[in-house]
Amino acid sequence: MKMRASILILFFMSLEVQGVCLPESPLMNKKMSMNNNAALVKMEESVYRFQEIIGPILPNDHDLIVKLETLNPRVNALINKLETNLVIEVYGGVLSHPDINESTLMLLLCHEIGHYLGGAPFQSRGGWSSTEGQADYYSSSDCAHFMGLNESSFLDAALRLTKIYAEVTREAAPVLDSCDERVSNRTNFGYPPIQCRLDTLIAGWRGQSRPKCWFKEI
């Protein structure tokens, strides 16, 4: 069966949760106005491009669905695996965020598919979803390159995306000319600190090892 890809513009909240890019938070953003047609069209174009590139990488019998839940004010995104359906949901609180542009949305989608394509370490034994750190690493080491991002657009997207993460988790905003120097005594299977997540994105992009601030070699 040939893989099918589709994009849905939705007006309701999802009840399924797997591979969530951020921890649950009370932070809400304004809903994305459906009257903002120009912004929505650009996002749809980014999603279609993402699906066209990622689709051939997936198993032939898998369907990739991206849901833009424009009226959901939550600042988050997630991926569900429902049998052979891979469903990525991006909420309106993210879509309307001032730090979201086409490259940032593409990198966010890369993170979500990274939960499925990123490989070990996984969130649970026998599970399918890569850890947050590994999904971050895959998003930049592989997916962002597949999307054709250049160094400048990637670094801008990585900084913008992790600044959104920092806003949600109420951590200090990450910076490009710094790094998280902590050394984890075991692999972090949850959410790494935000500076560590930016470091991971940059390391993946540059073909460097996964940062020790979340990953422990066995």
C-alpha atoms as a PDB file:
ATOM      1  CA  MET A   1       0.000   0.000   0.000  1.00  0.00           C
ATOM      2  CA  LYS A   2       1.375   3.399  -0.899  1.00  0.00           C
ATOM      3  CA  MET A   3       1.893   5.821   1.997  1.00  0.00           C
ATOM      4  CA  ARG A   4      -0.709   8.561   2.097  1.00  0.00           C
ATOM      5  CA  ALA A   5      -0.128  12.011   3.584  1.00  0.00           C
ATOM      6  CA  SER A   6      -2.732  14.523   4.590  1.00  0.00           C
ATOM      7  CA  ILE A   7      -3.085  17.775   6.477  1.00  0.00           C
ATOM      8  CA  LEU A   8      -6.084  18.651   8.598  1.00  0.00           C
ATOM      9  CA  ILE A   9      -7.067  22.050   9.965  1.00  0.00           C
ATOM     10  CA  LEU A  10      -8.949  21.237  13.157  1.00  0.00           C
ATOM     11  CA  PHE A  11     -11.045  23.054  15.706  1.00  0.00           C
ATOM     12  CA  PHE A  12     -11.041  20.615  18.617  1.00  0.00           C
ATOM     13  CA  MET A  13      -8.656  19.357  21.267  1.00  0.00           C
ATOM     14  CA  SER A  14      -6.891  15.991  21.008  1.00  0.00           C
ATOM     15  CA  LEU A  15      -7.308  13.349  23.693  1.00  0.00           C
ATOM     16  CA  GLU A  16      -4.414  11.090  22.592  1.00  0.00           C
ATOM     17  CA  VAL A  17      -0.935  11.883  23.917  1.00  0.00           C
ATOM     18  CA  GLN A  18       2.372  10.284  22.862  1.00  0.00           C
ATOM     19  CA  GLY A  19       5.727  11.817  22.063  1.00  0.00           C
ATOM     20  CA  VAL A  20       4.930  15.296  23.427  1.00  0.00           C
ATOM     21  CA  CYS A  21       7.629  17.876  22.726  1.00  0.00           C
ATOM     22  CA  LEU A  22       6.977  19.795  25.976  1.00  0.00           C
ATOM     23  CA  PRO A  23       5.711  18.878  29.446  1.00  0.00           C
ATOM     24  CA  GLU A  24       2.155  19.828  30.284  1.00  0.00           C
ATOM     25  CA  SER A  25       1.921  23.496  31.203  1.00  0.00           C
ATOM     26  CA  PRO A  26      -0.816  25.993  32.061  1.00  0.00           C
ATOM     27  CA  LEU A  27       0.698  28.396  29.527  1.00  0.00           C
ATOM     28  CA  MET A  28      -1.762  29.293  26.805  1.00  0.00           C
ATOM     29  CA  ASN A  29      -1.282  31.559  23.824  1.00  0.00           C
ATOM     30  CA  LYS A  30      -3.823  33.319  21.687  1.00  0.00           C
ATOM     31  CA  LYS A  31      -5.724  31.150  19.243  1.00  0.00           C
ATOM     32  CA  MET A  32      -4.660  31.395  15.656  1.00  0.00           C
ATOM     33  CA  SER A  33      -7.182  33.452  13.752  1.00  0.00           C
ATOM     34  CA  MET A  34      -8.615  31.618  10.787  1.00  0.00           C
ATOM     35  CA  ASN A  35      -8.832  35.039   9.143  1.00  0.00           C
ATOM     36  CA  ASN A  36      -5.031  35.124   8.964  1.00  0.00           C
ATOM     37  CA  ASN A  37      -5.091  33.322   5.640  1.00  0.00           C
ATOM     38  CA  ALA A  38      -1.596  34.324   4.520  1.00  0.00           C
ATOM     39  CA  ALA A  39       0.061  32.871   7.628  1.00  0.00           C
ATOM     40  CA  LEU A  40      -2.044  29.727   7.462  1.00  0.00           C
ATOM     41  CA  VAL A  41      -1.242  29.163   3.785  1.00  0.00           C
ATOM     42  CA  LYS A  42       2.496  29.428   4.501  1.00  0.00           C
ATOM     43  CA  MET A  43       2.171  26.900   7.316  1.00  0.00           C
ATOM     44  CA  GLU A  44       0.208  24.534   5.100  1.00  0.00           C
ATOM     45  CA  GLU A  45       2.899  24.837   2.431  1.00  0.00           C
ATOM     46  CA  SER A  46       5.570  23.982   5.034  1.00  0.00           C
ATOM     47  CA  VAL A  47       3.560  20.957   6.148  1.00  0.00           C
ATOM     48  CA  TYR A  48       3.059  19.701   2.598  1.00  0.00           C
ATOM     49  CA  ARG A  49       6.776  20.034   1.913  1.00  0.00           C
ATOM     50  CA  PHE A  50       7.593  18.197   5.137  1.00  0.00           C
ATOM     51  CA  GLN A  51       5.223  15.360   4.186  1.00  0.00           C
ATOM     52  CA  GLU A  52       6.615  15.091   0.661  1.00  0.00           C
ATOM     53  CA  ILE A  53      10.161  14.686   2.004  1.00  0.00           C
ATOM     54  CA  ILE A  54       9.445  12.454   5.013  1.00  0.00           C
ATOM     55  CA  GLY A  55       6.795  10.270   3.355  1.00  0.00           C
ATOM     56  CA  PRO A  56       9.206   8.155   1.272  1.00  0.00           C
ATOM     57  CA  ILE A  57      11.303   7.431   4.385  1.00  0.00           C
ATOM     58  CA  LEU A  58       8.385   5.802   6.204  1.00  0.00           C
ATOM     59  CA  PRO A  59       7.255   2.191   5.732  1.00  0.00           C
ATOM     60  CA  ASN A  60       5.067   1.810   2.630  1.00  0.00           C
ATOM     61  CA  ASP A  61       1.938   0.945   4.616  1.00  0.00           C
ATOM     62  CA  HIS A  62       2.180   3.957   6.940  1.00  0.00           C
ATOM     63  CA  ASP A  63       0.023   7.072   6.665  1.00  0.00           C
ATOM     64  CA  LEU A  64       1.364  10.431   7.842  1.00  0.00           C
ATOM     65  CA  ILE A  65      -1.242  12.926   9.049  1.00  0.00           C
ATOM     66  CA  VAL A  66      -0.461  16.427  10.316  1.00  0.00           C
ATOM     67  CA  LYS A  67      -3.187  18.211  12.263  1.00  0.00           C
ATOM     68  CA  LEU A  68      -2.995  21.983  12.744  1.00  0.00           C
ATOM     69  CA  GLU A  69      -5.329  22.582  15.673  1.00  0.00           C
ATOM     70  CA  THR A  70      -5.572  26.334  15.174  1.00  0.00           C
ATOM     71  CA  LEU A  71      -8.174  27.044  17.872  1.00  0.00           C
ATOM     72  CA  ASN A  72      -6.428  25.091  20.610  1.00  0.00           C
ATOM     73  CA  PRO A  73      -4.486  27.657  22.703  1.00  0.00           C
ATOM     74  CA  ARG A  74      -2.026  25.148  24.174  1.00  0.00           C
ATOM     75  CA  VAL A  75       1.632  25.781  23.412  1.00  0.00           C
ATOM     76  CA  ASN A  76       2.661  22.265  22.463  1.00  0.00           C
ATOM     77  CA  ALA A  77       2.861  19.598  19.772  1.00  0.00           C
ATOM     78  CA  LEU A  78       2.868  15.800  19.813  1.00  0.00           C
ATOM     79  CA  ILE A  79       2.968  12.647  17.740  1.00  0.00           C
ATOM     80  CA  ASN A  80       0.742   9.585  18.112  1.00  0.00           C
ATOM     81  CA  LYS A  81       1.250   6.188  16.535  1.00  0.00           C
ATOM     82  CA  LEU A  82      -2.119   4.586  15.920  1.00  0.00           C
ATOM     83  CA  GLU A  83      -1.369   1.229  14.256  1.00  0.00           C
ATOM     84  CA  THR A  84       0.037   2.319  10.867  1.00  0.00           C
ATOM     85  CA  ASN A  85      -1.071   5.936  11.232  1.00  0.00           C
ATOM     86  CA  LEU A  86       1.451   8.521  12.370  1.00  0.00           C
ATOM     87  CA  VAL A  87      -0.433  11.598  13.555  1.00  0.00           C
ATOM     88  CA  ILE A  88       1.393  14.831  14.347  1.00  0.00           C
ATOM     89  CA  GLU A  89      -0.649  17.502  16.109  1.00  0.00           C
ATOM     90  CA  VAL A  90       0.476  21.116  16.401  1.00  0.00           C
ATOM     91  CA  TYR A  91      -1.623  23.353  18.616  1.00  0.00           C
ATOM     92  CA  GLY A  92      -2.722  26.911  17.964  1.00  0.00           C
ATOM     93  CA  GLY A  93      -0.693  28.299  20.857  1.00  0.00           C
ATOM     94  CA  VAL A  94       2.419  27.296  18.951  1.00  0.00           C
ATOM     95  CA  LEU A  95       1.148  28.275  15.520  1.00  0.00           C
ATOM     96  CA  SER A  96       0.338  31.808  16.683  1.00  0.00           C
ATOM     97  CA  HIS A  97       3.525  32.276  18.704  1.00  0.00           C
ATOM     98  CA  PRO A  98       5.640  35.234  17.507  1.00  0.00           C
ATOM     99  CA  ASP A  99       8.757  33.042  17.326  1.00  0.00           C
ATOM    100  CA  ILE A 100       7.165  30.617  14.867  1.00  0.00           C
ATOM    101  CA  ASN A 101       8.104  31.005  11.226  1.00  0.00           C
ATOM    102  CA  GLU A 102       8.330  28.482   8.385  1.00  0.00           C
ATOM    103  CA  SER A 103      11.767  27.157   9.366  1.00  0.00           C
ATOM    104  CA  THR A 104      10.846  26.912  13.038  1.00  0.00           C
ATOM    105  CA  LEU A 105       7.656  25.006  12.234  1.00  0.00           C
ATOM    106  CA  MET A 106       9.666  22.681   9.995  1.00  0.00           C
ATOM    107  CA  LEU A 107      12.142  21.996  12.812  1.00  0.00           C
ATOM    108  CA  LEU A 108       9.269  21.342  15.223  1.00  0.00           C
ATOM    109  CA  LEU A 109       7.767  18.829  12.794  1.00  0.00           C
ATOM    110  CA  CYS A 110      11.215  17.262  12.464  1.00  0.00           C
ATOM    111  CA  HIS A 111      11.327  16.858  16.241  1.00  0.00           C
ATOM    112  CA  GLU A 112       7.954  15.136  16.289  1.00  0.00           C
ATOM    113  CA  ILE A 113       8.821  12.675  13.513  1.00  0.00           C
ATOM    114  CA  GLY A 114      12.122  12.189  15.329  1.00  0.00           C
ATOM    115  CA  HIS A 115      10.194  10.387  18.058  1.00  0.00           C
ATOM    116  CA  TYR A 116       9.398   7.734  15.429  1.00  0.00           C
ATOM    117  CA  LEU A 117      12.535   7.779  13.274  1.00  0.00           C
ATOM    118  CA  GLY A 118      15.164   8.816  15.817  1.00  0.00           C
ATOM    119  CA  GLY A 119      15.989   5.379  17.220  1.00  0.00           C
ATOM    120  CA  ALA A 120      17.490   4.616  20.632  1.00  0.00           C
ATOM    121  CA  PRO A 121      17.359   5.635  23.379  1.00  0.00           C
ATOM    122  CA  PHE A 122      13.608   5.105  23.635  1.00  0.00           C
ATOM    123  CA  GLN A 123      11.265   6.523  26.257  1.00  0.00           C
ATOM    124  CA  SER A 124      10.317   3.055  27.484  1.00  0.00           C
ATOM    125  CA  ARG A 125      11.583  -0.495  27.089  1.00  0.00           C
ATOM    126  CA  GLY A 126      10.012  -2.014  24.005  1.00  0.00           C
ATOM    127  CA  GLY A 127       8.415   1.320  23.077  1.00  0.00           C
ATOM    128  CA  TRP A 128       8.469   3.083  19.714  1.00  0.00           C
ATOM    129  CA  SER A 129       9.063   6.674  20.811  1.00  0.00           C
ATOM    130  CA  SER A 130      12.592   8.079  21.063  1.00  0.00           C
ATOM    131  CA  THR A 131      13.404  10.205  24.092  1.00  0.00           C
ATOM    132  CA  GLU A 132      13.069  13.976  23.842  1.00  0.00           C
ATOM    133  CA  GLY A 133      16.833  14.380  23.591  1.00  0.00           C
ATOM    134  CA  GLN A 134      17.080  11.797  20.827  1.00  0.00           C
ATOM    135  CA  ALA A 135      14.152  13.339  18.920  1.00  0.00           C
ATOM    136  CA  ASP A 136      15.934  16.699  19.163  1.00  0.00           C
ATOM    137  CA  TYR A 137      19.156  15.126  17.895  1.00  0.00           C
ATOM    138  CA  TYR A 138      17.480  13.396  14.942  1.00  0.00           C
ATOM    139  CA  SER A 139      15.593  16.570  14.021  1.00  0.00           C
ATOM    140  CA  SER A 140      18.857  18.388  13.367  1.00  0.00           C
ATOM    141  CA  SER A 141      21.272  15.593  12.414  1.00  0.00           C
ATOM    142  CA  ASP A 142      18.992  14.233   9.687  1.00  0.00           C
ATOM    143  CA  CYS A 143      15.611  15.870   9.210  1.00  0.00           C
ATOM    144  CA  ALA A 144      16.644  19.536   9.090  1.00  0.00           C
ATOM    145  CA  HIS A 145      19.174  18.658   6.395  1.00  0.00           C
ATOM    146  CA  PHE A 146      16.501  16.757   4.479  1.00  0.00           C
ATOM    147  CA  MET A 147      14.376  19.932   4.584  1.00  0.00           C
ATOM    148  CA  GLY A 148      17.143  21.948   2.963  1.00  0.00           C
ATOM    149  CA  LEU A 149      17.727  24.369   5.828  1.00  0.00           C
ATOM    150  CA  ASN A 150      21.004  26.253   5.631  1.00  0.00           C
ATOM    151  CA  GLU A 151      23.216  27.080   8.621  1.00  0.00           C
ATOM    152  CA  SER A 152      21.698  30.517   9.181  1.00  0.00           C
ATOM    153  CA  SER A 153      18.061  29.456   8.944  1.00  0.00           C
ATOM    154  CA  PHE A 154      18.713  26.371  11.077  1.00  0.00           C
ATOM    155  CA  LEU A 155      20.407  28.282  13.902  1.00  0.00           C
ATOM    156  CA  ASP A 156      17.632  30.877  13.870  1.00  0.00           C
ATOM    157  CA  ALA A 157      14.969  28.150  13.962  1.00  0.00           C
ATOM    158  CA  ALA A 158      16.748  26.219  16.719  1.00  0.00           C
ATOM    159  CA  LEU A 159      17.029  29.321  18.883  1.00  0.00           C
ATOM    160  CA  ARG A 160      13.430  30.367  18.261  1.00  0.00           C
ATOM    161  CA  LEU A 161      12.093  26.893  19.025  1.00  0.00           C
ATOM    162  CA  THR A 162      14.048  26.442  22.246  1.00  0.00           C
ATOM    163  CA  LYS A 163      13.034  29.950  23.367  1.00  0.00           C
ATOM    164  CA  ILE A 164       9.420  28.761  23.079  1.00  0.00           C
ATOM    165  CA  TYR A 165      10.358  25.692  25.125  1.00  0.00           C
ATOM    166  CA  ALA A 166      11.951  27.940  27.770  1.00  0.00           C
ATOM    167  CA  GLU A 167       8.824  30.082  27.956  1.00  0.00           C
ATOM    168  CA  VAL A 168       6.692  27.001  28.602  1.00  0.00           C
ATOM    169  CA  THR A 169       9.022  25.434  31.175  1.00  0.00           C
ATOM    170  CA  ARG A 170       9.848  28.827  32.748  1.00  0.00           C
ATOM    171  CA  GLU A 171      13.579  28.360  32.303  1.00  0.00           C
ATOM    172  CA  ALA A 172      16.141  30.932  31.279  1.00  0.00           C
ATOM    173  CA  ALA A 173      16.180  31.585  27.558  1.00  0.00           C
ATOM    174  CA  PRO A 174      18.931  29.631  25.760  1.00  0.00           C
ATOM    175  CA  VAL A 175      21.758  31.366  23.926  1.00  0.00           C
ATOM    176  CA  LEU A 176      23.841  30.298  20.943  1.00  0.00           C
ATOM    177  CA  ASP A 177      27.258  31.236  22.335  1.00  0.00           C
ATOM    178  CA  SER A 178      26.936  29.168  25.507  1.00  0.00           C
ATOM    179  CA  CYS A 179      26.525  25.508  26.437  1.00  0.00           C
ATOM    180  CA  ASP A 180      25.222  23.354  29.263  1.00  0.00           C
ATOM    181  CA  GLU A 181      28.369  22.003  30.887  1.00  0.00           C
ATOM    182  CA  ARG A 182      26.614  19.577  33.213  1.00  0.00           C
ATOM    183  CA  VAL A 183      27.497  15.888  32.832  1.00  0.00           C
ATOM    184  CA  SER A 184      24.602  13.510  33.402  1.00  0.00           C
ATOM    185  CA  ASN A 185      25.432  10.293  35.257  1.00  0.00           C
ATOM    186  CA  ARG A 186      22.735   8.508  33.248  1.00  0.00           C
ATOM    187  CA  THR A 187      20.718   9.138  30.106  1.00  0.00           C
ATOM    188  CA  ASN A 188      17.840  11.549  30.663  1.00  0.00           C
ATOM    189  CA  PHE A 189      14.646   9.831  29.514  1.00  0.00           C
ATOM    190  CA  GLY A 190      12.541  12.915  30.260  1.00  0.00           C
ATOM    191  CA  TYR A 191      12.943  16.544  29.237  1.00  0.00           C
ATOM    192  CA  PRO A 192      16.535  17.849  29.226  1.00  0.00           C
ATOM    193  CA  PRO A 193      17.179  21.434  30.361  1.00  0.00           C
ATOM    194  CA  ILE A 194      16.477  23.951  27.616  1.00  0.00           C
ATOM    195  CA  GLN A 195      20.084  25.056  27.027  1.00  0.00           C
ATOM    196  CA  CYS A 196      20.949  21.370  26.767  1.00  0.00           C
ATOM    197  CA  ARG A 197      18.232  20.942  24.126  1.00  0.00           C
ATOM    198  CA  LEU A 198      19.666  23.800  22.062  1.00  0.00           C
ATOM    199  CA  ASP A 199      23.139  22.277  22.445  1.00  0.00           C
ATOM    200  CA  THR A 200      21.714  18.955  21.213  1.00  0.00           C
ATOM    201  CA  LEU A 201      20.177  20.575  18.150  1.00  0.00           C
ATOM    202  CA  ILE A 202      23.454  22.272  17.264  1.00  0.00           C
ATOM    203  CA  ALA A 203      25.470  19.089  17.896  1.00  0.00           C
ATOM    204  CA  GLY A 204      23.193  17.104  15.610  1.00  0.00           C
ATOM    205  CA  TRP A 205      23.380  19.714  12.870  1.00  0.00           C
ATOM    206  CA  ARG A 206      27.176  19.738  13.005  1.00  0.00           C
ATOM    207  CA  GLY A 207      27.546  15.953  13.180  1.00  0.00           C
ATOM    208  CA  GLN A 208      28.912  16.009  16.722  1.00  0.00           C
ATOM    209  CA  SER A 209      28.238  13.542  19.536  1.00  0.00           C
ATOM    210  CA  ARG A 210      25.109  13.829  21.640  1.00  0.00           C
ATOM    211  CA  PRO A 211      25.788  16.231  24.548  1.00  0.00           C
ATOM    212  CA  LYS A 212      26.675  14.764  27.936  1.00  0.00           C
ATOM    213  CA  CYS A 213      24.154  17.065  29.604  1.00  0.00           C
ATOM    214  CA  TRP A 214      21.489  14.444  28.800  1.00  0.00           C
ATOM    215  CA  PHE A 215      23.149  11.436  27.128  1.00  0.00           C
ATOM    216  CA  LYS A 216      25.326   8.855  28.869  1.00  0.00           C
ATOM    217  CA  GLU A 217      27.299   6.418  26.741  1.00  0.00           C
ATOM    218  CA  ILE A 218      26.967   2.815  27.919  1.00  0.00           C
END
